[in-house]
């Protein structure tokens, strides 16, 4: 199939190659653009130290998802189909790596290996097809080969990974857990609606025009992606996480200011000062107590001398 050849995958387009054959599907891509804008708005409200390039990358990928999907539902060619699918796949891989490293704390090396393994799983998943009476990797002579679940099989590994990570975070009472679990629930519904697009084509009709359910996939996915962007704000940058493990030098520092990491030399000096301070204060206290004990004794000695008729000690008389 030539890259410029039209493809007809969704109910609303039918067999039309017109630019505006999918007006509802095309317009519903605004959900992705709003998700990216909302994620960016939340990010810029955070202190600068809590932002990272990863956050901006995720927001940019959501924006590309919306633009690629819009292009596909306008032109419906092999080229625009790649523009639709590739940003989605990249987002899934990047977010998985982000979640493993930032949320769960998996070391970078293991994160890379797990993401590579997930990439291999996605590649294998794309080879699985369905035909009458069969499912799997078809032979060359198999007739009637088509994408399983109307092409939604591609998204099931991402749904499974999202559920697993969300449950792990829920067990740890991580603040990102509710956002991930809600996103997983919404994604499960949106995948179902995407799968049923052709099956419900004759039932979802607006003013005599068959619409299908693919537009709902866009709207719900936009909401799920916004929740994932919101959850990403709970993934602290490495510098912040390292600093949080060390008590701050200034108790009255402004909120959001990263604590200062103390050097080993400064810590040793502080320990020496803390050890010397009690000794100095104890010595001063002993001196004061000794003076207070001597004063009454001297007064008693003077009284005894006066009672005996003797003269007070000249050393105690004022000059």
C-alpha atoms as a PDB file:
ATOM      1  CA  UNK A   1       0.000   0.000   0.000  1.00  0.00           C
ATOM      2  CA  UNK A   2       1.365   3.412  -0.969  1.00  0.00           C
ATOM      3  CA  UNK A   3       1.984   5.890   1.825  1.00  0.00           C
ATOM      4  CA  UNK A   4      -0.335   8.413   0.183  1.00  0.00           C
ATOM      5  CA  UNK A   5      -3.168   5.961  -0.253  1.00  0.00           C
ATOM      6  CA  UNK A   6      -6.319   6.537   1.790  1.00  0.00           C
ATOM      7  CA  UNK A   7      -7.323   4.184   4.597  1.00  0.00           C
ATOM      8  CA  UNK A   8     -10.854   3.710   5.850  1.00  0.00           C
ATOM      9  CA  UNK A   9     -10.913   2.575   9.459  1.00  0.00           C
ATOM     10  CA  UNK A  10     -13.739   4.385  11.234  1.00  0.00           C
ATOM     11  CA  UNK A  11     -17.477   4.589  11.047  1.00  0.00           C
ATOM     12  CA  UNK A  12     -17.791   8.314  10.431  1.00  0.00           C
ATOM     13  CA  UNK A  13     -15.534   8.329   7.382  1.00  0.00           C
ATOM     14  CA  UNK A  14     -17.093   5.323   5.743  1.00  0.00           C
ATOM     15  CA  UNK A  15     -15.589   5.073   2.273  1.00  0.00           C
ATOM     16  CA  UNK A  16     -15.232   8.798   1.629  1.00  0.00           C
ATOM     17  CA  UNK A  17     -11.818  10.312   0.899  1.00  0.00           C
ATOM     18  CA  UNK A  18     -13.018  13.881   1.456  1.00  0.00           C
ATOM     19  CA  UNK A  19     -11.028  16.170   3.756  1.00  0.00           C
ATOM     20  CA  UNK A  20     -13.994  16.794   6.057  1.00  0.00           C
ATOM     21  CA  UNK A  21     -15.431  13.285   5.982  1.00  0.00           C
ATOM     22  CA  UNK A  22     -14.890  12.996   9.781  1.00  0.00           C
ATOM     23  CA  UNK A  23     -15.915  16.363  11.264  1.00  0.00           C
ATOM     24  CA  UNK A  24     -16.846  14.992  14.702  1.00  0.00           C
ATOM     25  CA  UNK A  25     -13.760  12.802  14.997  1.00  0.00           C
ATOM     26  CA  UNK A  26     -11.566  15.702  13.858  1.00  0.00           C
ATOM     27  CA  UNK A  27     -13.149  18.255  16.217  1.00  0.00           C
ATOM     28  CA  UNK A  28     -12.943  15.917  19.209  1.00  0.00           C
ATOM     29  CA  UNK A  29      -9.145  16.100  19.042  1.00  0.00           C
ATOM     30  CA  UNK A  30      -9.426  19.399  20.884  1.00  0.00           C
ATOM     31  CA  UNK A  31      -9.527  17.209  24.011  1.00  0.00           C
ATOM     32  CA  UNK A  32      -5.816  16.413  23.560  1.00  0.00           C
ATOM     33  CA  UNK A  33      -4.921  20.049  23.028  1.00  0.00           C
ATOM     34  CA  UNK A  34      -6.818  21.036  26.182  1.00  0.00           C
ATOM     35  CA  UNK A  35      -5.073  18.258  28.119  1.00  0.00           C
ATOM     36  CA  UNK A  36      -1.654  19.589  27.056  1.00  0.00           C
ATOM     37  CA  UNK A  37      -2.643  23.172  27.893  1.00  0.00           C
ATOM     38  CA  UNK A  38      -4.013  22.132  31.276  1.00  0.00           C
ATOM     39  CA  UNK A  39      -0.869  20.143  32.092  1.00  0.00           C
ATOM     40  CA  UNK A  40       1.344  23.089  31.142  1.00  0.00           C
ATOM     41  CA  UNK A  41      -0.737  25.449  33.300  1.00  0.00           C
ATOM     42  CA  UNK A  42      -0.335  23.181  36.332  1.00  0.00           C
ATOM     43  CA  UNK A  43       3.390  22.811  35.723  1.00  0.00           C
ATOM     44  CA  UNK A  44       4.200  26.527  35.540  1.00  0.00           C
ATOM     45  CA  UNK A  45       2.432  27.038  38.872  1.00  0.00           C
ATOM     46  CA  UNK A  46       4.945  24.739  40.552  1.00  0.00           C
ATOM     47  CA  UNK A  47       8.265  26.067  41.925  1.00  0.00           C
ATOM     48  CA  UNK A  48      10.997  26.069  39.308  1.00  0.00           C
ATOM     49  CA  UNK A  49      12.990  23.466  41.236  1.00  0.00           C
ATOM     50  CA  UNK A  50      10.113  20.981  40.923  1.00  0.00           C
ATOM     51  CA  UNK A  51       9.976  21.211  37.116  1.00  0.00           C
ATOM     52  CA  UNK A  52      12.103  19.109  34.814  1.00  0.00           C
ATOM     53  CA  UNK A  53      12.623  18.477  31.114  1.00  0.00           C
ATOM     54  CA  UNK A  54      10.647  15.245  31.500  1.00  0.00           C
ATOM     55  CA  UNK A  55       7.511  17.197  32.397  1.00  0.00           C
ATOM     56  CA  UNK A  56       7.794  19.390  29.317  1.00  0.00           C
ATOM     57  CA  UNK A  57       8.510  16.332  27.151  1.00  0.00           C
ATOM     58  CA  UNK A  58       5.317  14.606  28.307  1.00  0.00           C
ATOM     59  CA  UNK A  59       3.254  17.737  27.665  1.00  0.00           C
ATOM     60  CA  UNK A  60       4.805  18.114  24.210  1.00  0.00           C
ATOM     61  CA  UNK A  61       3.970  14.501  23.362  1.00  0.00           C
ATOM     62  CA  UNK A  62       0.328  15.007  24.341  1.00  0.00           C
ATOM     63  CA  UNK A  63       0.242  18.016  22.035  1.00  0.00           C
ATOM     64  CA  UNK A  64       1.717  15.903  19.207  1.00  0.00           C
ATOM     65  CA  UNK A  65      -0.871  13.191  19.853  1.00  0.00           C
ATOM     66  CA  UNK A  66      -3.632  15.731  19.278  1.00  0.00           C
ATOM     67  CA  UNK A  67      -2.061  17.201  16.153  1.00  0.00           C
ATOM     68  CA  UNK A  68      -1.237  13.779  14.664  1.00  0.00           C
ATOM     69  CA  UNK A  69      -4.743  12.472  15.308  1.00  0.00           C
ATOM     70  CA  UNK A  70      -6.242  15.609  13.778  1.00  0.00           C
ATOM     71  CA  UNK A  71      -4.123  15.150  10.645  1.00  0.00           C
ATOM     72  CA  UNK A  72      -5.177  11.525  10.338  1.00  0.00           C
ATOM     73  CA  UNK A  73      -8.891  12.217  10.671  1.00  0.00           C
ATOM     74  CA  UNK A  74      -8.611  14.961   8.050  1.00  0.00           C
ATOM     75  CA  UNK A  75      -6.467  13.194   5.433  1.00  0.00           C
ATOM     76  CA  UNK A  76      -6.750   9.493   6.409  1.00  0.00           C
ATOM     77  CA  UNK A  77      -3.600   8.349   4.581  1.00  0.00           C
ATOM     78  CA  UNK A  78      -0.855   5.936   5.532  1.00  0.00           C
ATOM     79  CA  UNK A  79       1.483   8.847   6.311  1.00  0.00           C
ATOM     80  CA  UNK A  80      -0.968  10.592   8.630  1.00  0.00           C
ATOM     81  CA  UNK A  81      -1.756   7.250  10.268  1.00  0.00           C
ATOM     82  CA  UNK A  82       1.897   7.058  11.304  1.00  0.00           C
ATOM     83  CA  UNK A  83       1.673  10.648  12.576  1.00  0.00           C
ATOM     84  CA  UNK A  84      -1.284   9.483  14.673  1.00  0.00           C
ATOM     85  CA  UNK A  85       0.217   6.278  16.070  1.00  0.00           C
ATOM     86  CA  UNK A  86       3.881   7.172  16.650  1.00  0.00           C
ATOM     87  CA  UNK A  87       3.358   9.955  19.261  1.00  0.00           C
ATOM     88  CA  UNK A  88       1.021   7.656  21.176  1.00  0.00           C
ATOM     89  CA  UNK A  89       3.607   4.865  21.245  1.00  0.00           C
ATOM     90  CA  UNK A  90       6.421   7.220  22.267  1.00  0.00           C
ATOM     91  CA  UNK A  91       4.261   8.707  25.033  1.00  0.00           C
ATOM     92  CA  UNK A  92       3.500   5.250  26.428  1.00  0.00           C
ATOM     93  CA  UNK A  93       7.192   4.341  26.554  1.00  0.00           C
ATOM     94  CA  UNK A  94       8.330   7.668  28.018  1.00  0.00           C
ATOM     95  CA  UNK A  95       5.616   7.689  30.663  1.00  0.00           C
ATOM     96  CA  UNK A  96       6.372   4.101  31.643  1.00  0.00           C
ATOM     97  CA  UNK A  97      10.027   4.989  32.173  1.00  0.00           C
ATOM     98  CA  UNK A  98       9.039   8.132  34.082  1.00  0.00           C
ATOM     99  CA  UNK A  99       6.674   6.194  36.348  1.00  0.00           C
ATOM    100  CA  UNK A 100       9.164   3.416  37.071  1.00  0.00           C
ATOM    101  CA  UNK A 101      12.001   5.802  37.924  1.00  0.00           C
ATOM    102  CA  UNK A 102      10.209   8.761  39.521  1.00  0.00           C
ATOM    103  CA  UNK A 103       7.263   7.070  41.228  1.00  0.00           C
ATOM    104  CA  UNK A 104       8.559   3.627  42.167  1.00  0.00           C
ATOM    105  CA  UNK A 105      12.268   4.497  42.397  1.00  0.00           C
ATOM    106  CA  UNK A 106      13.565   1.853  39.973  1.00  0.00           C
ATOM    107  CA  UNK A 107      17.234   2.579  39.124  1.00  0.00           C
ATOM    108  CA  UNK A 108      17.910   4.065  35.698  1.00  0.00           C
ATOM    109  CA  UNK A 109      19.584   0.926  34.328  1.00  0.00           C
ATOM    110  CA  UNK A 110      16.674  -1.331  35.263  1.00  0.00           C
ATOM    111  CA  UNK A 111      14.206   1.263  34.008  1.00  0.00           C
ATOM    112  CA  UNK A 112      15.848   1.228  30.576  1.00  0.00           C
ATOM    113  CA  UNK A 113      15.749  -2.575  30.453  1.00  0.00           C
ATOM    114  CA  UNK A 114      12.086  -2.694  31.467  1.00  0.00           C
ATOM    115  CA  UNK A 115      11.138  -0.075  28.884  1.00  0.00           C
ATOM    116  CA  UNK A 116      13.022  -2.019  26.190  1.00  0.00           C
ATOM    117  CA  UNK A 117      11.155  -5.154  27.221  1.00  0.00           C
ATOM    118  CA  UNK A 118       7.852  -3.290  27.005  1.00  0.00           C
ATOM    119  CA  UNK A 119       8.832  -2.013  23.552  1.00  0.00           C
ATOM    120  CA  UNK A 120       9.404  -5.597  22.399  1.00  0.00           C
ATOM    121  CA  UNK A 121       5.993  -6.543  23.806  1.00  0.00           C
ATOM    122  CA  UNK A 122       4.337  -3.709  21.870  1.00  0.00           C
ATOM    123  CA  UNK A 123       6.131  -4.740  18.666  1.00  0.00           C
ATOM    124  CA  UNK A 124       4.948  -8.334  19.078  1.00  0.00           C
ATOM    125  CA  UNK A 125       1.443  -7.138  19.882  1.00  0.00           C
ATOM    126  CA  UNK A 126       1.307  -5.218  16.586  1.00  0.00           C
ATOM    127  CA  UNK A 127       1.952  -8.458  14.675  1.00  0.00           C
ATOM    128  CA  UNK A 128      -1.097 -10.195  16.131  1.00  0.00           C
ATOM    129  CA  UNK A 129      -4.048 -10.205  13.737  1.00  0.00           C
ATOM    130  CA  UNK A 130      -7.497 -11.711  13.625  1.00  0.00           C
ATOM    131  CA  UNK A 131      -9.284 -13.602  10.866  1.00  0.00           C
ATOM    132  CA  UNK A 132     -12.275 -15.862  10.611  1.00  0.00           C
ATOM    133  CA  UNK A 133     -11.721 -18.615  13.126  1.00  0.00           C
ATOM    134  CA  UNK A 134      -8.252 -17.533  14.194  1.00  0.00           C
ATOM    135  CA  UNK A 135      -6.032 -15.079  16.036  1.00  0.00           C
ATOM    136  CA  UNK A 136      -2.253 -14.752  16.019  1.00  0.00           C
ATOM    137  CA  UNK A 137       0.478 -14.051  13.490  1.00  0.00           C
ATOM    138  CA  UNK A 138      -1.104 -15.051  10.171  1.00  0.00           C
ATOM    139  CA  UNK A 139       0.597 -16.988   7.395  1.00  0.00           C
ATOM    140  CA  UNK A 140       0.907 -15.477   3.968  1.00  0.00           C
ATOM    141  CA  UNK A 141      -2.017 -17.494   2.557  1.00  0.00           C
ATOM    142  CA  UNK A 142      -4.547 -16.578   5.271  1.00  0.00           C
ATOM    143  CA  UNK A 143      -7.511 -14.645   3.933  1.00  0.00           C
ATOM    144  CA  UNK A 144      -9.613 -11.973   5.676  1.00  0.00           C
ATOM    145  CA  UNK A 145      -6.828 -10.746   8.004  1.00  0.00           C
ATOM    146  CA  UNK A 146      -7.834  -7.684  10.043  1.00  0.00           C
ATOM    147  CA  UNK A 147      -6.682  -5.839  13.200  1.00  0.00           C
ATOM    148  CA  UNK A 148      -8.001  -7.419  16.373  1.00  0.00           C
ATOM    149  CA  UNK A 149     -10.549  -5.442  18.397  1.00  0.00           C
ATOM    150  CA  UNK A 150     -10.708  -2.906  15.562  1.00  0.00           C
ATOM    151  CA  UNK A 151      -7.064  -2.047  16.223  1.00  0.00           C
ATOM    152  CA  UNK A 152      -7.485  -1.587  19.984  1.00  0.00           C
ATOM    153  CA  UNK A 153      -5.276  -4.568  20.860  1.00  0.00           C
ATOM    154  CA  UNK A 154      -2.298  -2.223  20.512  1.00  0.00           C
ATOM    155  CA  UNK A 155      -3.368  -0.314  23.644  1.00  0.00           C
ATOM    156  CA  UNK A 156      -3.962  -3.265  25.998  1.00  0.00           C
ATOM    157  CA  UNK A 157      -0.319  -3.568  27.184  1.00  0.00           C
ATOM    158  CA  UNK A 158      -0.354   0.119  28.148  1.00  0.00           C
ATOM    159  CA  UNK A 159      -3.607  -0.381  30.067  1.00  0.00           C
ATOM    160  CA  UNK A 160      -2.129  -3.363  31.905  1.00  0.00           C
ATOM    161  CA  UNK A 161       1.051  -1.468  32.790  1.00  0.00           C
ATOM    162  CA  UNK A 162      -0.970   1.502  34.030  1.00  0.00           C
ATOM    163  CA  UNK A 163      -3.052  -0.717  36.304  1.00  0.00           C
ATOM    164  CA  UNK A 164       0.009  -2.503  37.737  1.00  0.00           C
ATOM    165  CA  UNK A 165       1.925   0.717  38.432  1.00  0.00           C
ATOM    166  CA  UNK A 166      -1.180   2.350  39.902  1.00  0.00           C
ATOM    167  CA  UNK A 167      -1.771  -0.555  42.296  1.00  0.00           C
ATOM    168  CA  UNK A 168       1.891  -0.583  43.373  1.00  0.00           C
ATOM    169  CA  UNK A 169       1.697   3.133  44.140  1.00  0.00           C
ATOM    170  CA  UNK A 170      -1.611   2.698  45.962  1.00  0.00           C
ATOM    171  CA  UNK A 171       0.036   0.095  48.192  1.00  0.00           C
ATOM    172  CA  UNK A 172       2.756   2.658  48.997  1.00  0.00           C
ATOM    173  CA  UNK A 173       0.147   5.410  49.551  1.00  0.00           C
ATOM    174  CA  UNK A 174       1.853   7.468  46.850  1.00  0.00           C
ATOM    175  CA  UNK A 175       0.101  10.719  45.959  1.00  0.00           C
ATOM    176  CA  UNK A 176       0.150   9.859  42.245  1.00  0.00           C
ATOM    177  CA  UNK A 177      -1.786   6.597  42.730  1.00  0.00           C
ATOM    178  CA  UNK A 178      -5.362   7.992  42.506  1.00  0.00           C
ATOM    179  CA  UNK A 179      -4.601   9.821  39.262  1.00  0.00           C
ATOM    180  CA  UNK A 180      -3.107   6.713  37.640  1.00  0.00           C
ATOM    181  CA  UNK A 181      -5.953   4.434  38.719  1.00  0.00           C
ATOM    182  CA  UNK A 182      -8.607   6.868  37.501  1.00  0.00           C
ATOM    183  CA  UNK A 183      -6.731   7.228  34.217  1.00  0.00           C
ATOM    184  CA  UNK A 184      -6.667   3.421  33.881  1.00  0.00           C
ATOM    185  CA  UNK A 185     -10.420   3.184  34.492  1.00  0.00           C
ATOM    186  CA  UNK A 186     -11.126   5.888  31.902  1.00  0.00           C
ATOM    187  CA  UNK A 187      -8.751   4.276  29.408  1.00  0.00           C
ATOM    188  CA  UNK A 188     -10.542   0.930  29.800  1.00  0.00           C
ATOM    189  CA  UNK A 189     -13.854   2.596  28.895  1.00  0.00           C
ATOM    190  CA  UNK A 190     -12.327   4.511  25.971  1.00  0.00           C
ATOM    191  CA  UNK A 191     -10.706   1.343  24.542  1.00  0.00           C
ATOM    192  CA  UNK A 192     -14.094  -0.366  24.698  1.00  0.00           C
ATOM    193  CA  UNK A 193     -15.751   2.491  22.817  1.00  0.00           C
ATOM    194  CA  UNK A 194     -12.962   2.515  20.234  1.00  0.00           C
ATOM    195  CA  UNK A 195     -13.445  -1.212  19.693  1.00  0.00           C
ATOM    196  CA  UNK A 196     -17.209  -0.849  19.242  1.00  0.00           C
ATOM    197  CA  UNK A 197     -16.968   2.027  16.743  1.00  0.00           C
ATOM    198  CA  UNK A 198     -17.893  -0.058  13.685  1.00  0.00           C
ATOM    199  CA  UNK A 199     -20.243  -2.375  15.573  1.00  0.00           C
ATOM    200  CA  UNK A 200     -22.343   0.584  16.766  1.00  0.00           C
ATOM    201  CA  UNK A 201     -22.002   2.549  13.553  1.00  0.00           C
ATOM    202  CA  UNK A 202     -25.668   2.189  12.609  1.00  0.00           C
ATOM    203  CA  UNK A 203     -26.839   3.027  16.136  1.00  0.00           C
ATOM    204  CA  UNK A 204     -24.949   6.259  16.821  1.00  0.00           C
ATOM    205  CA  UNK A 205     -26.504   8.616  14.290  1.00  0.00           C
ATOM    206  CA  UNK A 206     -26.784  12.420  14.387  1.00  0.00           C
ATOM    207  CA  UNK A 207     -29.174  14.068  11.926  1.00  0.00           C
ATOM    208  CA  UNK A 208     -29.082  11.051   9.667  1.00  0.00           C
ATOM    209  CA  UNK A 209     -25.278  10.884   9.685  1.00  0.00           C
ATOM    210  CA  UNK A 210     -23.474   7.845  11.086  1.00  0.00           C
ATOM    211  CA  UNK A 211     -21.000   8.970  13.749  1.00  0.00           C
ATOM    212  CA  UNK A 212     -19.893   5.884  15.639  1.00  0.00           C
ATOM    213  CA  UNK A 213     -18.067   6.019  18.970  1.00  0.00           C
ATOM    214  CA  UNK A 214     -14.513   6.927  17.980  1.00  0.00           C
ATOM    215  CA  UNK A 215     -14.995  10.554  19.017  1.00  0.00           C
ATOM    216  CA  UNK A 216     -15.635   9.354  22.592  1.00  0.00           C
ATOM    217  CA  UNK A 217     -12.247   7.621  22.481  1.00  0.00           C
ATOM    218  CA  UNK A 218     -10.664  11.024  21.836  1.00  0.00           C
ATOM    219  CA  UNK A 219     -12.566  12.836  24.579  1.00  0.00           C
ATOM    220  CA  UNK A 220     -11.966  10.206  27.256  1.00  0.00           C
ATOM    221  CA  UNK A 221      -8.318   9.791  26.278  1.00  0.00           C
ATOM    222  CA  UNK A 222      -7.825  13.539  26.578  1.00  0.00           C
ATOM    223  CA  UNK A 223      -9.109  13.321  30.145  1.00  0.00           C
ATOM    224  CA  UNK A 224      -6.926  10.287  30.912  1.00  0.00           C
ATOM    225  CA  UNK A 225      -3.827  12.030  29.546  1.00  0.00           C
ATOM    226  CA  UNK A 226      -4.535  15.121  31.636  1.00  0.00           C
ATOM    227  CA  UNK A 227      -4.710  12.911  34.748  1.00  0.00           C
ATOM    228  CA  UNK A 228      -1.380  11.344  33.804  1.00  0.00           C
ATOM    229  CA  UNK A 229       0.179  14.789  33.383  1.00  0.00           C
ATOM    230  CA  UNK A 230      -1.223  15.771  36.783  1.00  0.00           C
ATOM    231  CA  UNK A 231       0.216  12.613  38.309  1.00  0.00           C
ATOM    232  CA  UNK A 232       3.631  13.391  36.816  1.00  0.00           C
ATOM    233  CA  UNK A 233       3.841  16.465  39.069  1.00  0.00           C
ATOM    234  CA  UNK A 234       4.124  14.070  42.018  1.00  0.00           C
ATOM    235  CA  UNK A 235       7.316  12.610  40.526  1.00  0.00           C
ATOM    236  CA  UNK A 236      10.011  14.689  42.186  1.00  0.00           C
ATOM    237  CA  UNK A 237      13.180  15.499  40.202  1.00  0.00           C
ATOM    238  CA  UNK A 238      16.277  13.632  41.378  1.00  0.00           C
ATOM    239  CA  UNK A 239      17.886  16.760  42.861  1.00  0.00           C
ATOM    240  CA  UNK A 240      14.802  17.476  44.962  1.00  0.00           C
ATOM    241  CA  UNK A 241      14.511  13.903  46.166  1.00  0.00           C
ATOM    242  CA  UNK A 242      18.168  13.869  47.219  1.00  0.00           C
ATOM    243  CA  UNK A 243      17.828  17.186  49.029  1.00  0.00           C
ATOM    244  CA  UNK A 244      14.704  16.067  50.880  1.00  0.00           C
ATOM    245  CA  UNK A 245      16.740  13.303  52.508  1.00  0.00           C
ATOM    246  CA  UNK A 246      18.940  15.914  54.251  1.00  0.00           C
ATOM    247  CA  UNK A 247      17.561  18.340  56.904  1.00  0.00           C
ATOM    248  CA  UNK A 248      17.627  21.994  55.767  1.00  0.00           C
ATOM    249  CA  UNK A 249      20.179  24.422  57.178  1.00  0.00           C
ATOM    250  CA  UNK A 250      17.683  27.296  57.477  1.00  0.00           C
ATOM    251  CA  UNK A 251      14.511  26.487  59.341  1.00  0.00           C
ATOM    252  CA  UNK A 252      12.866  29.691  58.146  1.00  0.00           C
ATOM    253  CA  UNK A 253      13.526  29.081  54.459  1.00  0.00           C
ATOM    254  CA  UNK A 254      10.768  30.026  52.049  1.00  0.00           C
ATOM    255  CA  UNK A 255       8.365  27.229  51.058  1.00  0.00           C
ATOM    256  CA  UNK A 256       9.401  25.464  47.877  1.00  0.00           C
ATOM    257  CA  UNK A 257      13.093  26.370  48.309  1.00  0.00           C
ATOM    258  CA  UNK A 258      15.251  23.240  48.008  1.00  0.00           C
ATOM    259  CA  UNK A 259      17.129  22.425  51.237  1.00  0.00           C
ATOM    260  CA  UNK A 260      20.893  22.932  51.171  1.00  0.00           C
ATOM    261  CA  UNK A 261      22.936  19.735  51.231  1.00  0.00           C
ATOM    262  CA  UNK A 262      25.630  19.963  53.902  1.00  0.00           C
ATOM    263  CA  UNK A 263      29.189  18.900  53.223  1.00  0.00           C
ATOM    264  CA  UNK A 264      30.963  16.367  55.432  1.00  0.00           C
ATOM    265  CA  UNK A 265      33.340  19.056  56.775  1.00  0.00           C
ATOM    266  CA  UNK A 266      30.497  21.392  57.831  1.00  0.00           C
ATOM    267  CA  UNK A 267      28.686  18.505  59.526  1.00  0.00           C
ATOM    268  CA  UNK A 268      31.835  17.646  61.536  1.00  0.00           C
ATOM    269  CA  UNK A 269      32.197  21.279  62.621  1.00  0.00           C
ATOM    270  CA  UNK A 270      28.573  21.394  63.766  1.00  0.00           C
ATOM    271  CA  UNK A 271      29.019  18.172  65.759  1.00  0.00           C
ATOM    272  CA  UNK A 272      32.142  19.595  67.462  1.00  0.00           C
ATOM    273  CA  UNK A 273      30.300  22.809  68.324  1.00  0.00           C
ATOM    274  CA  UNK A 274      27.357  20.908  69.778  1.00  0.00           C
ATOM    275  CA  UNK A 275      29.720  18.820  71.920  1.00  0.00           C
ATOM    276  CA  UNK A 276      31.635  21.868  73.167  1.00  0.00           C
ATOM    277  CA  UNK A 277      28.569  23.986  73.970  1.00  0.00           C
ATOM    278  CA  UNK A 278      27.272  21.878  76.907  1.00  0.00           C
ATOM    279  CA  UNK A 279      30.755  21.808  78.468  1.00  0.00           C
ATOM    280  CA  UNK A 280      31.108  25.584  78.356  1.00  0.00           C
ATOM    281  CA  UNK A 281      27.641  26.198  79.753  1.00  0.00           C
ATOM    282  CA  UNK A 282      28.193  23.621  82.501  1.00  0.00           C
ATOM    283  CA  UNK A 283      31.473  25.264  83.542  1.00  0.00           C
ATOM    284  CA  UNK A 284      29.815  28.680  83.785  1.00  0.00           C
ATOM    285  CA  UNK A 285      26.985  27.229  85.819  1.00  0.00           C
ATOM    286  CA  UNK A 286      29.443  25.596  88.221  1.00  0.00           C
ATOM    287  CA  UNK A 287      31.208  28.899  88.722  1.00  0.00           C
ATOM    288  CA  UNK A 288      27.987  30.753  89.520  1.00  0.00           C
ATOM    289  CA  UNK A 289      26.938  28.020  91.953  1.00  0.00           C
ATOM    290  CA  UNK A 290      30.340  28.142  93.701  1.00  0.00           C
ATOM    291  CA  UNK A 291      30.107  31.919  94.188  1.00  0.00           C
ATOM    292  CA  UNK A 292      26.597  31.614  95.604  1.00  0.00           C
ATOM    293  CA  UNK A 293      27.780  28.962  98.068  1.00  0.00           C
ATOM    294  CA  UNK A 294      30.749  31.064  99.272  1.00  0.00           C
ATOM    295  CA  UNK A 295      28.694  34.240  99.884  1.00  0.00           C
ATOM    296  CA  UNK A 296      26.628  32.873 102.831  1.00  0.00           C
ATOM    297  CA  UNK A 297      29.729  31.372 104.447  1.00  0.00           C
ATOM    298  CA  UNK A 298      31.518  34.725 104.447  1.00  0.00           C
ATOM    299  CA  UNK A 299      28.448  36.435 105.944  1.00  0.00           C
ATOM    300  CA  UNK A 300      28.295  33.895 108.770  1.00  0.00           C
ATOM    301  CA  UNK A 301      32.007  34.417 109.505  1.00  0.00           C
ATOM    302  CA  UNK A 302      31.519  38.188 109.867  1.00  0.00           C
ATOM    303  CA  UNK A 303      28.596  37.715 112.251  1.00  0.00           C
ATOM    304  CA  UNK A 304      30.646  35.393 114.442  1.00  0.00           C
ATOM    305  CA  UNK A 305      33.484  37.922 114.624  1.00  0.00           C
ATOM    306  CA  UNK A 306      31.161  40.751 115.616  1.00  0.00           C
ATOM    307  CA  UNK A 307      29.522  38.587 118.274  1.00  0.00           C
ATOM    308  CA  UNK A 308      32.886  37.963 119.849  1.00  0.00           C
ATOM    309  CA  UNK A 309      33.652  41.718 119.980  1.00  0.00           C
ATOM    310  CA  UNK A 310      36.465  41.405 117.567  1.00  0.00           C
ATOM    311  CA  UNK A 311      37.079  43.607 114.606  1.00  0.00           C
ATOM    312  CA  UNK A 312      35.919  42.557 111.218  1.00  0.00           C
ATOM    313  CA  UNK A 313      38.486  41.317 108.857  1.00  0.00           C
ATOM    314  CA  UNK A 314      40.113  44.266 107.223  1.00  0.00           C
ATOM    315  CA  UNK A 315      40.211  42.448 103.974  1.00  0.00           C
ATOM    316  CA  UNK A 316      36.375  42.608 103.945  1.00  0.00           C
ATOM    317  CA  UNK A 317      36.165  46.329 104.795  1.00  0.00           C
ATOM    318  CA  UNK A 318      35.717  48.812 102.007  1.00  0.00           C
ATOM    319  CA  UNK A 319      38.838  50.804 101.165  1.00  0.00           C
END
